[in-house]
Amino acid sequence: MRLDARVTVHDVARQLPGIEVLREHCRAMAALEAVLSPGWEARYYSFDQRWSATESVASMRNGSGDEYSIVFSPAGAYVRGFDHESPMSPYVEDGPWPGVVDEVPGVFRAYVEEPAFSDEDGMPVVTACLWREAGGEAWKAGEIEFPERAGRDPDGAGQLFGLLADRSPEAFRRWAEDYYEKPVDLEAVRYVFAGRPLTEEVVTALNADVGLPDLAGELAVIGWPAG
């Protein structure tokens, strides 16, 4: 996905994989971040495999006000992102931009107004939204008239979902090295992206200051195996 061209949620929808592949990718990024940043407060990517009895949630927050949440449920997957600098912010017109959540199907409707995804006044905090029902053949987004002269990323989808569209180990390493300002072992990233259990050797390659036993609680939340 070219970020030097105009990117919207519709472009991201064409780049996302199937629901289960996306779920495993989100878990892998969360496992890597648990190693790279043992302190949860500094992490971008997290995953809670038991958000409820039937749902799991992947999340991103960059510490500057941008965030996303992906709910994986028996009904499928619901994605909502918020770019605090987007001209489509719900705070511009005191509500979500027209079309962003208007067409969300009934099976996901409760997530639109979910308190965890809303502000203290109950307003949905969203500038970009996608969904895919279980058994569906494609990701969908609403019919939206994007604001004129809003730049190349009007709803924030390009920067919010960049590592979901480009799921390569190399893309994650570039991001991690930029964020953590230190080298990140590419082979260790590839190992985790392949879905393999974390080992002491892989953990040490990523972060020599943490050991596998230190990560037991975090890995249990993510649902990532260790061996």
Protein backbone atom coordinates (compact mmCIF):
# COMPACT_ATOMS: atom_id res chain seq x y z
CA MET A 1 0.00 0.00 0.00
CA ARG A 2 1.57 3.28 -1.13
CA LEU A 3 1.43 5.94 1.56
CA ASP A 4 2.60 8.59 -0.92
CA ALA A 5 -0.79 8.22 -2.65
CA ARG A 6 -4.21 8.96 -1.18
CA VAL A 7 -5.21 6.17 1.20
CA THR A 8 -8.59 5.62 2.82
CA VAL A 9 -10.32 2.85 4.70
CA HIS A 10 -11.47 1.42 1.36
CA ASP A 11 -7.86 0.89 0.27
CA VAL A 12 -7.08 -0.81 3.57
CA ALA A 13 -10.12 -3.09 3.17
CA ARG A 14 -8.63 -4.45 -0.06
CA GLN A 15 -5.31 -5.18 1.67
CA LEU A 16 -6.52 -7.01 4.77
CA PRO A 17 -6.38 -10.82 4.89
CA GLY A 18 -9.04 -13.20 6.16
CA ILE A 19 -10.24 -12.88 9.73
CA GLU A 20 -8.18 -15.70 11.22
CA VAL A 21 -4.99 -14.61 9.46
CA LEU A 22 -5.50 -11.08 10.75
CA ARG A 23 -6.15 -12.36 14.26
CA GLU A 24 -2.94 -14.39 14.31
CA HIS A 25 -0.97 -11.45 12.93
CA CYS A 26 -2.30 -9.21 15.69
CA ARG A 27 -1.36 -11.83 18.30
CA ALA A 28 2.15 -12.07 16.87
CA MET A 29 2.67 -8.31 17.03
CA ALA A 30 1.42 -8.27 20.61
CA ALA A 31 3.79 -11.11 21.56
CA LEU A 32 6.72 -9.28 20.00
CA GLU A 33 5.83 -6.08 21.80
CA ALA A 34 5.53 -7.92 25.11
CA VAL A 35 9.18 -8.87 24.70
CA LEU A 36 10.39 -5.54 23.33
CA SER A 37 8.50 -3.49 25.92
CA PRO A 38 7.84 -5.40 29.18
CA GLY A 39 6.19 -2.25 30.56
CA TRP A 40 2.67 -2.25 29.07
CA GLU A 41 2.33 1.53 29.17
CA ALA A 42 4.89 2.05 26.40
CA ARG A 43 3.51 -0.53 23.97
CA TYR A 44 1.69 0.13 20.73
CA TYR A 45 0.18 -3.29 20.09
CA SER A 46 -1.74 -5.47 22.55
CA PHE A 47 -4.06 -8.46 22.40
CA ASP A 48 -6.55 -9.82 24.93
CA GLN A 49 -7.69 -13.30 23.99
CA ARG A 50 -10.40 -13.30 26.66
CA TRP A 51 -11.95 -9.85 26.32
CA SER A 52 -15.20 -11.68 27.01
CA ALA A 53 -16.32 -15.30 27.05
CA THR A 54 -16.69 -15.25 23.26
CA GLU A 55 -14.62 -12.28 22.06
CA SER A 56 -10.98 -11.32 21.76
CA VAL A 57 -9.62 -7.84 21.04
CA ALA A 58 -6.50 -6.53 19.34
CA SER A 59 -5.61 -2.93 20.03
CA MET A 60 -3.15 -0.20 19.15
CA ARG A 61 -2.47 3.10 20.89
CA ASN A 62 0.43 5.38 20.03
CA GLY A 63 0.41 7.57 23.13
CA SER A 64 -0.47 10.65 21.09
CA GLY A 65 -4.20 10.04 20.85
CA ASP A 66 -4.38 7.66 17.89
CA GLU A 67 -5.73 4.15 18.42
CA TYR A 68 -7.57 1.20 16.98
CA SER A 69 -9.51 -1.78 18.30
CA ILE A 70 -10.40 -5.01 16.49
CA VAL A 71 -13.06 -7.24 18.00
CA PHE A 72 -12.93 -10.88 16.92
CA SER A 73 -16.19 -12.68 17.69
CA PRO A 74 -18.27 -15.60 16.40
CA ALA A 75 -20.05 -13.04 14.19
CA GLY A 76 -16.79 -12.04 12.48
CA ALA A 77 -14.52 -9.05 13.04
CA TYR A 78 -15.18 -5.36 13.67
CA VAL A 79 -12.44 -2.74 13.26
CA ARG A 80 -12.57 0.84 14.44
CA GLY A 81 -9.72 3.35 14.26
CA PHE A 82 -9.31 6.90 15.50
CA ASP A 83 -6.85 9.48 14.16
CA HIS A 84 -7.03 12.48 16.49
CA GLU A 85 -5.76 14.84 13.75
CA SER A 86 -8.16 13.65 11.07
CA PRO A 87 -10.61 16.22 9.68
CA MET A 88 -13.16 13.41 10.04
CA SER A 89 -12.85 13.36 13.83
CA PRO A 90 -16.22 12.99 15.57
CA TYR A 91 -15.31 16.12 17.54
CA VAL A 92 -15.52 18.23 14.37
CA GLU A 93 -19.28 17.82 13.97
CA ASP A 94 -20.11 16.31 17.38
CA GLY A 95 -20.56 12.81 16.01
CA PRO A 96 -19.01 10.26 13.64
CA TRP A 97 -18.38 11.49 10.10
CA PRO A 98 -21.33 10.61 7.80
CA GLY A 99 -21.02 7.10 6.42
CA VAL A 100 -18.23 5.90 8.72
CA VAL A 101 -20.47 3.77 10.96
CA ASP A 102 -23.92 4.23 9.38
CA GLU A 103 -23.80 0.92 7.50
CA VAL A 104 -22.32 -1.27 10.24
CA PRO A 105 -24.53 -4.41 10.24
CA GLY A 106 -26.65 -5.37 13.21
CA VAL A 107 -24.33 -8.16 14.37
CA PHE A 108 -21.64 -5.54 15.07
CA ARG A 109 -23.86 -2.61 16.02
CA ALA A 110 -23.20 -2.91 19.75
CA TYR A 111 -19.49 -2.26 19.13
CA VAL A 112 -20.20 1.14 17.61
CA GLU A 113 -21.41 2.42 20.99
CA GLU A 114 -19.28 0.13 23.16
CA PRO A 115 -18.11 2.22 26.16
CA ALA A 116 -14.51 1.08 25.65
CA PHE A 117 -14.61 2.62 22.16
CA SER A 118 -16.44 5.81 23.16
CA ASP A 119 -15.62 8.92 25.16
CA GLU A 120 -16.98 9.82 28.59
CA ASP A 121 -20.09 11.30 26.97
CA GLY A 122 -20.81 8.12 25.03
CA MET A 123 -19.74 9.43 21.63
CA PRO A 124 -18.07 6.80 19.41
CA VAL A 125 -14.39 7.69 19.01
CA VAL A 126 -13.88 6.69 15.37
CA THR A 127 -12.63 8.08 12.08
CA ALA A 128 -12.29 4.76 10.19
CA CYS A 129 -14.34 1.59 10.44
CA LEU A 130 -14.34 -1.82 8.73
CA TRP A 131 -16.05 -5.11 9.31
CA ARG A 132 -16.24 -8.64 7.94
CA GLU A 133 -18.89 -11.13 8.87
CA ALA A 134 -17.97 -14.75 9.51
CA GLY A 135 -18.03 -16.52 6.17
CA GLY A 136 -17.90 -13.21 4.32
CA GLU A 137 -15.67 -12.92 1.27
CA ALA A 138 -14.39 -9.38 1.82
CA TRP A 139 -13.91 -6.57 4.31
CA LYS A 140 -16.45 -3.79 4.04
CA ALA A 141 -16.61 -0.12 4.91
CA GLY A 142 -19.33 2.48 4.61
CA GLU A 143 -20.07 4.72 1.65
CA ILE A 144 -18.22 7.88 2.60
CA GLU A 145 -17.75 11.29 0.99
CA PHE A 146 -14.30 12.20 2.21
CA PRO A 147 -13.57 15.85 2.94
CA GLU A 148 -11.98 17.83 0.13
CA ARG A 149 -8.34 18.87 0.43
CA ALA A 150 -7.96 16.56 3.44
CA GLY A 151 -4.53 15.27 2.44
CA ARG A 152 -3.42 11.76 1.54
CA ASP A 153 -4.82 10.04 4.65
CA PRO A 154 -8.14 11.74 5.41
CA ASP A 155 -9.52 9.18 7.88
CA GLY A 156 -6.14 8.09 9.26
CA ALA A 157 -6.53 4.57 7.88
CA GLY A 158 -3.13 4.59 6.18
CA GLN A 159 -1.10 5.31 9.27
CA LEU A 160 -3.38 3.48 11.71
CA PHE A 161 -3.54 0.18 9.84
CA GLY A 162 -0.19 0.25 8.00
CA LEU A 163 1.16 -2.88 9.72
CA LEU A 164 -2.09 -4.73 9.10
CA ALA A 165 -1.92 -4.02 5.37
CA ASP A 166 1.82 -4.76 5.11
CA ARG A 167 2.25 -7.80 7.36
CA SER A 168 5.86 -8.56 6.45
CA PRO A 169 8.47 -9.11 9.17
CA GLU A 170 10.55 -6.42 7.48
CA ALA A 171 7.79 -3.83 7.89
CA PHE A 172 7.40 -4.64 11.57
CA ARG A 173 11.16 -4.45 12.13
CA ARG A 174 11.35 -1.04 10.41
CA TRP A 175 8.58 0.25 12.63
CA ALA A 176 10.04 -1.26 15.83
CA GLU A 177 13.53 0.03 15.17
CA ASP A 178 12.18 3.50 14.57
CA TYR A 179 9.96 3.42 17.67
CA TYR A 180 12.39 1.78 20.10
CA GLU A 181 15.47 3.39 18.57
CA LYS A 182 17.51 0.19 18.68
CA PRO A 183 18.22 -2.76 16.37
CA VAL A 184 15.56 -5.48 16.23
CA ASP A 185 16.51 -9.01 15.21
CA LEU A 186 14.75 -9.81 11.92
CA GLU A 187 15.05 -13.59 12.26
CA ALA A 188 13.38 -13.42 15.68
CA VAL A 189 10.54 -11.39 14.17
CA ARG A 190 10.19 -13.93 11.37
CA TYR A 191 10.13 -16.74 13.94
CA VAL A 192 7.24 -15.17 15.86
CA PHE A 193 5.36 -14.18 12.70
CA ALA A 194 5.47 -17.87 11.74
CA GLY A 195 3.35 -18.59 14.84
CA ARG A 196 6.00 -20.53 16.75
CA PRO A 197 6.23 -20.71 20.55
CA LEU A 198 8.52 -18.18 22.19
CA THR A 199 11.79 -19.62 23.43
CA GLU A 200 14.45 -18.20 25.73
CA GLU A 201 16.75 -17.84 22.72
CA VAL A 202 14.23 -15.80 20.74
CA VAL A 203 13.38 -13.63 23.74
CA THR A 204 17.08 -12.90 24.34
CA ALA A 205 17.60 -12.04 20.67
CA LEU A 206 14.83 -9.46 20.93
CA ASN A 207 15.53 -8.13 24.42
CA ALA A 208 18.45 -9.32 26.55
CA ASP A 209 16.99 -7.58 29.60
CA VAL A 210 13.98 -9.88 29.92
CA GLY A 211 13.61 -13.64 30.36
CA LEU A 212 10.89 -16.00 29.21
CA PRO A 213 9.53 -16.59 32.77
CA ASP A 214 9.01 -12.82 33.12
CA LEU A 215 6.55 -12.93 30.23
CA ALA A 216 4.29 -15.74 31.45
CA GLY A 217 1.43 -13.48 32.50
CA GLU A 218 1.53 -11.37 29.36
CA LEU A 219 1.68 -14.38 27.07
CA ALA A 220 -1.32 -15.89 28.85
CA VAL A 221 -3.37 -12.76 28.10
CA ILE A 222 -2.27 -12.83 24.46
CA GLY A 223 -2.70 -16.59 24.22
CA TRP A 224 0.79 -17.05 22.80
CA PRO A 225 2.62 -20.34 23.46
CA ALA A 226 6.04 -20.61 25.08
CA GLY A 227 8.35 -23.58 24.90
